[in-house]
Amino acid sequence: MMIKDNRRYYLDLKENARGRFLRVSQTITRGGPRSQIAIPAQGMIEFRDALTDLLEEFGTNDGG
């Protein structure tokens, strides 16, 4: 789990009958609504590469 401001982010590796996937979830407040996406195992490397490109282009400084 990662916490930034009033948001919590979760990265969970899951598996079901259709295969493995990464579930990325976000909550804003405790007990509040949860937003989530699922990334199939076949897409994880592409997702990692896209995040790496964003970090290289924009850096990791959040201005705070």
PDB file of N, CA and C in Angstrom:
ATOM      1  N   MET A   1       0.852  -1.170   0.000  1.00  0.00           N
ATOM      2  CA  MET A   1       0.000   0.000   0.000  1.00  0.00           C
ATOM      3  C   MET A   1       0.901   1.238   0.000  1.00  0.00           C
ATOM      4  N   MET A   2       0.475   2.232  -0.748  1.00  0.00           N
ATOM      5  CA  MET A   2       1.149   3.527  -0.779  1.00  0.00           C
ATOM      6  C   MET A   2       0.136   4.580  -0.357  1.00  0.00           C
ATOM      7  N   ILE A   3       0.582   5.559   0.413  1.00  0.00           N
ATOM      8  CA  ILE A   3      -0.299   6.640   0.853  1.00  0.00           C
ATOM      9  C   ILE A   3       0.270   7.957   0.354  1.00  0.00           C
ATOM     10  N   LYS A   4      -0.579   8.751  -0.278  1.00  0.00           N
ATOM     11  CA  LYS A   4      -0.206  10.083  -0.759  1.00  0.00           C
ATOM     12  C   LYS A   4      -1.383  11.001  -0.507  1.00  0.00           C
ATOM     13  N   ASP A   5      -1.156  12.039   0.299  1.00  0.00           N
ATOM     14  CA  ASP A   5      -2.222  12.948   0.718  1.00  0.00           C
ATOM     15  C   ASP A   5      -3.330  12.121   1.357  1.00  0.00           C
ATOM     16  N   ASN A   6      -4.558  12.254   0.904  1.00  0.00           N
ATOM     17  CA  ASN A   6      -5.658  11.489   1.492  1.00  0.00           C
ATOM     18  C   ASN A   6      -6.029  10.275   0.642  1.00  0.00           C
ATOM     19  N   ARG A   7      -5.115   9.819  -0.192  1.00  0.00           N
ATOM     20  CA  ARG A   7      -5.385   8.677  -1.073  1.00  0.00           C
ATOM     21  C   ARG A   7      -4.508   7.490  -0.701  1.00  0.00           C
ATOM     22  N   ARG A   8      -5.078   6.308  -0.854  1.00  0.00           N
ATOM     23  CA  ARG A   8      -4.337   5.068  -0.644  1.00  0.00           C
ATOM     24  C   ARG A   8      -4.373   4.274  -1.939  1.00  0.00           C
ATOM     25  N   TYR A   9      -3.219   3.748  -2.301  1.00  0.00           N
ATOM     26  CA  TYR A   9      -3.085   2.971  -3.528  1.00  0.00           C
ATOM     27  C   TYR A   9      -2.648   1.557  -3.165  1.00  0.00           C
ATOM     28  N   TYR A  10      -3.265   0.582  -3.809  1.00  0.00           N
ATOM     29  CA  TYR A  10      -2.972  -0.821  -3.551  1.00  0.00           C
ATOM     30  C   TYR A  10      -2.574  -1.499  -4.853  1.00  0.00           C
ATOM     31  N   LEU A  11      -1.553  -2.342  -4.795  1.00  0.00           N
ATOM     32  CA  LEU A  11      -1.128  -3.167  -5.925  1.00  0.00           C
ATOM     33  C   LEU A  11      -1.215  -4.614  -5.462  1.00  0.00           C
ATOM     34  N   ASP A  12      -2.105  -5.383  -6.059  1.00  0.00           N
ATOM     35  CA  ASP A  12      -2.319  -6.769  -5.653  1.00  0.00           C
ATOM     36  C   ASP A  12      -2.179  -7.687  -6.852  1.00  0.00           C
ATOM     37  N   LEU A  13      -1.289  -8.668  -6.736  1.00  0.00           N
ATOM     38  CA  LEU A  13      -1.154  -9.684  -7.768  1.00  0.00           C
ATOM     39  C   LEU A  13      -2.175 -10.768  -7.468  1.00  0.00           C
ATOM     40  N   LYS A  14      -3.054 -11.041  -8.417  1.00  0.00           N
ATOM     41  CA  LYS A  14      -4.152 -11.988  -8.225  1.00  0.00           C
ATOM     42  C   LYS A  14      -4.112 -13.052  -9.309  1.00  0.00           C
ATOM     43  N   GLU A  15      -4.894 -14.091  -9.093  1.00  0.00           N
ATOM     44  CA  GLU A  15      -5.027 -15.146 -10.095  1.00  0.00           C
ATOM     45  C   GLU A  15      -6.432 -15.711 -10.010  1.00  0.00           C
ATOM     46  N   ASN A  16      -7.026 -15.949 -11.180  1.00  0.00           N
ATOM     47  CA  ASN A  16      -8.323 -16.608 -11.241  1.00  0.00           C
ATOM     48  C   ASN A  16      -8.285 -17.620 -12.383  1.00  0.00           C
ATOM     49  N   ALA A  17      -9.434 -18.143 -12.760  1.00  0.00           N
ATOM     50  CA  ALA A  17      -9.490 -19.162 -13.812  1.00  0.00           C
ATOM     51  C   ALA A  17      -8.977 -18.638 -15.151  1.00  0.00           C
ATOM     52  N   ARG A  18      -9.012 -17.335 -15.345  1.00  0.00           N
ATOM     53  CA  ARG A  18      -8.560 -16.751 -16.615  1.00  0.00           C
ATOM     54  C   ARG A  18      -7.074 -16.428 -16.623  1.00  0.00           C
ATOM     55  N   GLY A  19      -6.401 -16.519 -15.477  1.00  0.00           N
ATOM     56  CA  GLY A  19      -4.964 -16.268 -15.410  1.00  0.00           C
ATOM     57  C   GLY A  19      -4.594 -15.263 -14.339  1.00  0.00           C
ATOM     58  N   ARG A  20      -3.333 -14.873 -14.362  1.00  0.00           N
ATOM     59  CA  ARG A  20      -2.819 -13.898 -13.392  1.00  0.00           C
ATOM     60  C   ARG A  20      -3.042 -12.481 -13.893  1.00  0.00           C
ATOM     61  N   PHE A  21      -3.194 -11.577 -12.919  1.00  0.00           N
ATOM     62  CA  PHE A  21      -3.380 -10.173 -13.263  1.00  0.00           C
ATOM     63  C   PHE A  21      -2.969  -9.302 -12.090  1.00  0.00           C
ATOM     64  N   LEU A  22      -2.680  -8.051 -12.376  1.00  0.00           N
ATOM     65  CA  LEU A  22      -2.349  -7.061 -11.359  1.00  0.00           C
ATOM     66  C   LEU A  22      -3.568  -6.177 -11.164  1.00  0.00           C
ATOM     67  N   ARG A  23      -4.037  -6.085  -9.931  1.00  0.00           N
ATOM     68  CA  ARG A  23      -5.154  -5.199  -9.623  1.00  0.00           C
ATOM     69  C   ARG A  23      -4.585  -3.947  -8.966  1.00  0.00           C
ATOM     70  N   VAL A  24      -4.857  -2.793  -9.566  1.00  0.00           N
ATOM     71  CA  VAL A  24      -4.431  -1.499  -9.038  1.00  0.00           C
ATOM     72  C   VAL A  24      -5.688  -0.796  -8.532  1.00  0.00           C
ATOM     73  N   SER A  25      -5.709  -0.498  -7.225  1.00  0.00           N
ATOM     74  CA  SER A  25      -6.884   0.109  -6.603  1.00  0.00           C
ATOM     75  C   SER A  25      -6.510   1.417  -5.933  1.00  0.00           C
ATOM     76  N   GLN A  26      -7.506   2.298  -5.816  1.00  0.00           N
ATOM     77  CA  GLN A  26      -7.320   3.581  -5.146  1.00  0.00           C
ATOM     78  C   GLN A  26      -8.541   3.865  -4.293  1.00  0.00           C
ATOM     79  N   THR A  27      -8.314   4.311  -3.062  1.00  0.00           N
ATOM     80  CA  THR A  27      -9.396   4.807  -2.224  1.00  0.00           C
ATOM     81  C   THR A  27      -9.046   6.232  -1.818  1.00  0.00           C
ATOM     82  N   ILE A  28     -10.072   7.051  -1.658  1.00  0.00           N
ATOM     83  CA  ILE A  28      -9.840   8.444  -1.280  1.00  0.00           C
ATOM     84  C   ILE A  28      -9.968   8.609   0.229  1.00  0.00           C
ATOM     85  N   THR A  29     -10.997   8.074   0.833  1.00  0.00           N
ATOM     86  CA  THR A  29     -11.165   8.137   2.279  1.00  0.00           C
ATOM     87  C   THR A  29     -11.531   6.757   2.791  1.00  0.00           C
ATOM     88  N   ARG A  30     -11.293   6.549   4.061  1.00  0.00           N
ATOM     89  CA  ARG A  30     -11.607   5.242   4.646  1.00  0.00           C
ATOM     90  C   ARG A  30     -13.094   4.952   4.495  1.00  0.00           C
ATOM     91  N   GLY A  31     -13.396   3.796   3.932  1.00  0.00           N
ATOM     92  CA  GLY A  31     -14.775   3.420   3.716  1.00  0.00           C
ATOM     93  C   GLY A  31     -15.399   4.060   2.488  1.00  0.00           C
ATOM     94  N   GLY A  32     -14.638   4.883   1.784  1.00  0.00           N
ATOM     95  CA  GLY A  32     -15.147   5.547   0.589  1.00  0.00           C
ATOM     96  C   GLY A  32     -15.110   4.628  -0.611  1.00  0.00           C
ATOM     97  N   PRO A  33     -15.520   5.133  -1.750  1.00  0.00           N
ATOM     98  CA  PRO A  33     -15.537   4.301  -2.956  1.00  0.00           C
ATOM     99  C   PRO A  33     -14.125   3.903  -3.377  1.00  0.00           C
ATOM    100  N   ARG A  34     -14.024   2.745  -4.004  1.00  0.00           N
ATOM    101  CA  ARG A  34     -12.743   2.224  -4.475  1.00  0.00           C
ATOM    102  C   ARG A  34     -12.788   2.181  -5.995  1.00  0.00           C
ATOM    103  N   SER A  35     -11.773   2.752  -6.606  1.00  0.00           N
ATOM    104  CA  SER A  35     -11.610   2.673  -8.060  1.00  0.00           C
ATOM    105  C   SER A  35     -10.522   1.651  -8.329  1.00  0.00           C
ATOM    106  N   GLN A  36     -10.728   0.831  -9.349  1.00  0.00           N
ATOM    107  CA  GLN A  36      -9.713  -0.175  -9.625  1.00  0.00           C
ATOM    108  C   GLN A  36      -9.680  -0.554 -11.094  1.00  0.00           C
ATOM    109  N   ILE A  37      -8.490  -0.997 -11.496  1.00  0.00           N
ATOM    110  CA  ILE A  37      -8.305  -1.550 -12.830  1.00  0.00           C
ATOM    111  C   ILE A  37      -7.560  -2.866 -12.682  1.00  0.00           C
ATOM    112  N   ALA A  38      -7.711  -3.733 -13.653  1.00  0.00           N
ATOM    113  CA  ALA A  38      -6.990  -5.002 -13.673  1.00  0.00           C
ATOM    114  C   ALA A  38      -6.140  -5.038 -14.938  1.00  0.00           C
ATOM    115  N   ILE A  39      -4.872  -5.394 -14.761  1.00  0.00           N
ATOM    116  CA  ILE A  39      -3.940  -5.484 -15.884  1.00  0.00           C
ATOM    117  C   ILE A  39      -3.536  -6.940 -16.029  1.00  0.00           C
ATOM    118  N   PRO A  40      -3.859  -7.573 -17.152  1.00  0.00           N
ATOM    119  CA  PRO A  40      -3.494  -8.981 -17.322  1.00  0.00           C
ATOM    120  C   PRO A  40      -1.978  -9.157 -17.318  1.00  0.00           C
ATOM    121  N   ALA A  41      -1.540 -10.342 -16.928  1.00  0.00           N
ATOM    122  CA  ALA A  41      -0.099 -10.626 -16.847  1.00  0.00           C
ATOM    123  C   ALA A  41       0.608 -10.278 -18.147  1.00  0.00           C
ATOM    124  N   GLN A  42      -0.041 -10.520 -19.276  1.00  0.00           N
ATOM    125  CA  GLN A  42       0.577 -10.249 -20.572  1.00  0.00           C
ATOM    126  C   GLN A  42       0.830  -8.760 -20.783  1.00  0.00           C
ATOM    127  N   GLY A  43       0.151  -7.897 -20.043  1.00  0.00           N
ATOM    128  CA  GLY A  43       0.314  -6.457 -20.216  1.00  0.00           C
ATOM    129  C   GLY A  43       1.193  -5.793 -19.174  1.00  0.00           C
ATOM    130  N   MET A  44       1.692  -6.562 -18.199  1.00  0.00           N
ATOM    131  CA  MET A  44       2.451  -5.955 -17.099  1.00  0.00           C
ATOM    132  C   MET A  44       3.772  -5.345 -17.546  1.00  0.00           C
ATOM    133  N   ILE A  45       4.468  -5.973 -18.460  1.00  0.00           N
ATOM    134  CA  ILE A  45       5.747  -5.421 -18.922  1.00  0.00           C
ATOM    135  C   ILE A  45       5.514  -4.121 -19.677  1.00  0.00           C
ATOM    136  N   GLU A  46       4.500  -4.099 -20.527  1.00  0.00           N
ATOM    137  CA  GLU A  46       4.174  -2.873 -21.260  1.00  0.00           C
ATOM    138  C   GLU A  46       3.763  -1.763 -20.287  1.00  0.00           C
ATOM    139  N   PHE A  47       2.990  -2.110 -19.263  1.00  0.00           N
ATOM    140  CA  PHE A  47       2.578  -1.148 -18.245  1.00  0.00           C
ATOM    141  C   PHE A  47       3.802  -0.603 -17.503  1.00  0.00           C
ATOM    142  N   ARG A  48       4.719  -1.481 -17.112  1.00  0.00           N
ATOM    143  CA  ARG A  48       5.954  -1.062 -16.437  1.00  0.00           C
ATOM    144  C   ARG A  48       6.761  -0.117 -17.319  1.00  0.00           C
ATOM    145  N   ASP A  49       6.894  -0.473 -18.596  1.00  0.00           N
ATOM    146  CA  ASP A  49       7.662   0.361 -19.518  1.00  0.00           C
ATOM    147  C   ASP A  49       7.030   1.743 -19.677  1.00  0.00           C
ATOM    148  N   ALA A  50       5.701   1.795 -19.731  1.00  0.00           N
ATOM    149  CA  ALA A  50       5.011   3.081 -19.853  1.00  0.00           C
ATOM    150  C   ALA A  50       5.233   3.931 -18.599  1.00  0.00           C
ATOM    151  N   LEU A  51       5.183   3.315 -17.419  1.00  0.00           N
ATOM    152  CA  LEU A  51       5.448   4.056 -16.183  1.00  0.00           C
ATOM    153  C   LEU A  51       6.884   4.559 -16.139  1.00  0.00           C
ATOM    154  N   THR A  52       7.818   3.725 -16.566  1.00  0.00           N
ATOM    155  CA  THR A  52       9.225   4.124 -16.605  1.00  0.00           C
ATOM    156  C   THR A  52       9.418   5.325 -17.519  1.00  0.00           C
ATOM    157  N   ASP A  53       8.787   5.297 -18.693  1.00  0.00           N
ATOM    158  CA  ASP A  53       8.879   6.423 -19.625  1.00  0.00           C
ATOM    159  C   ASP A  53       8.332   7.706 -19.002  1.00  0.00           C
ATOM    160  N   LEU A  54       7.194   7.597 -18.305  1.00  0.00           N
ATOM    161  CA  LEU A  54       6.615   8.774 -17.652  1.00  0.00           C
ATOM    162  C   LEU A  54       7.547   9.328 -16.580  1.00  0.00           C
ATOM    163  N   LEU A  55       8.133   8.444 -15.778  1.00  0.00           N
ATOM    164  CA  LEU A  55       9.052   8.893 -14.730  1.00  0.00           C
ATOM    165  C   LEU A  55      10.291   9.544 -15.315  1.00  0.00           C
ATOM    166  N   GLU A  56      10.794   9.003 -16.411  1.00  0.00           N
ATOM    167  CA  GLU A  56      11.962   9.597 -17.053  1.00  0.00           C
ATOM    168  C   GLU A  56      11.637  10.969 -17.632  1.00  0.00           C
ATOM    169  N   GLU A  57      10.442  11.107 -18.188  1.00  0.00           N
ATOM    170  CA  GLU A  57      10.063  12.374 -18.808  1.00  0.00           C
ATOM    171  C   GLU A  57       9.712  13.444 -17.781  1.00  0.00           C
ATOM    172  N   PHE A  58       8.969  13.064 -16.755  1.00  0.00           N
ATOM    173  CA  PHE A  58       8.454  14.053 -15.810  1.00  0.00           C
ATOM    174  C   PHE A  58       9.122  14.011 -14.443  1.00  0.00           C
ATOM    175  N   GLY A  59       9.926  13.014 -14.165  1.00  0.00           N
ATOM    176  CA  GLY A  59      10.609  12.905 -12.878  1.00  0.00           C
ATOM    177  C   GLY A  59       9.698  12.400 -11.783  1.00  0.00           C
ATOM    178  N   THR A  60      10.255  12.344 -10.582  1.00  0.00           N
ATOM    179  CA  THR A  60       9.495  11.847  -9.438  1.00  0.00           C
ATOM    180  C   THR A  60       9.188  12.935  -8.428  1.00  0.00           C
ATOM    181  N   ASN A  61       9.616  14.150  -8.669  1.00  0.00           N
ATOM    182  CA  ASN A  61       9.350  15.249  -7.754  1.00  0.00           C
ATOM    183  C   ASN A  61       7.896  15.658  -7.873  1.00  0.00           C
ATOM    184  N   ASP A  62       7.152  15.540  -6.775  1.00  0.00           N
ATOM    185  CA  ASP A  62       5.728  15.879  -6.812  1.00  0.00           C
ATOM    186  C   ASP A  62       5.458  17.331  -6.444  1.00  0.00           C
ATOM    187  N   GLY A  63       6.508  18.107  -6.262  1.00  0.00           N
ATOM    188  CA  GLY A  63       6.323  19.522  -5.964  1.00  0.00           C
ATOM    189  C   GLY A  63       6.039  19.808  -4.507  1.00  0.00           C
ATOM    190  N   GLY A  64       5.956  18.766  -3.685  1.00  0.00           N
ATOM    191  CA  GLY A  64       5.646  18.951  -2.272  1.00  0.00           C
ATOM    192  C   GLY A  64       6.843  18.822  -1.469  1.00  0.00           C
TER     193      GLY A  64
END
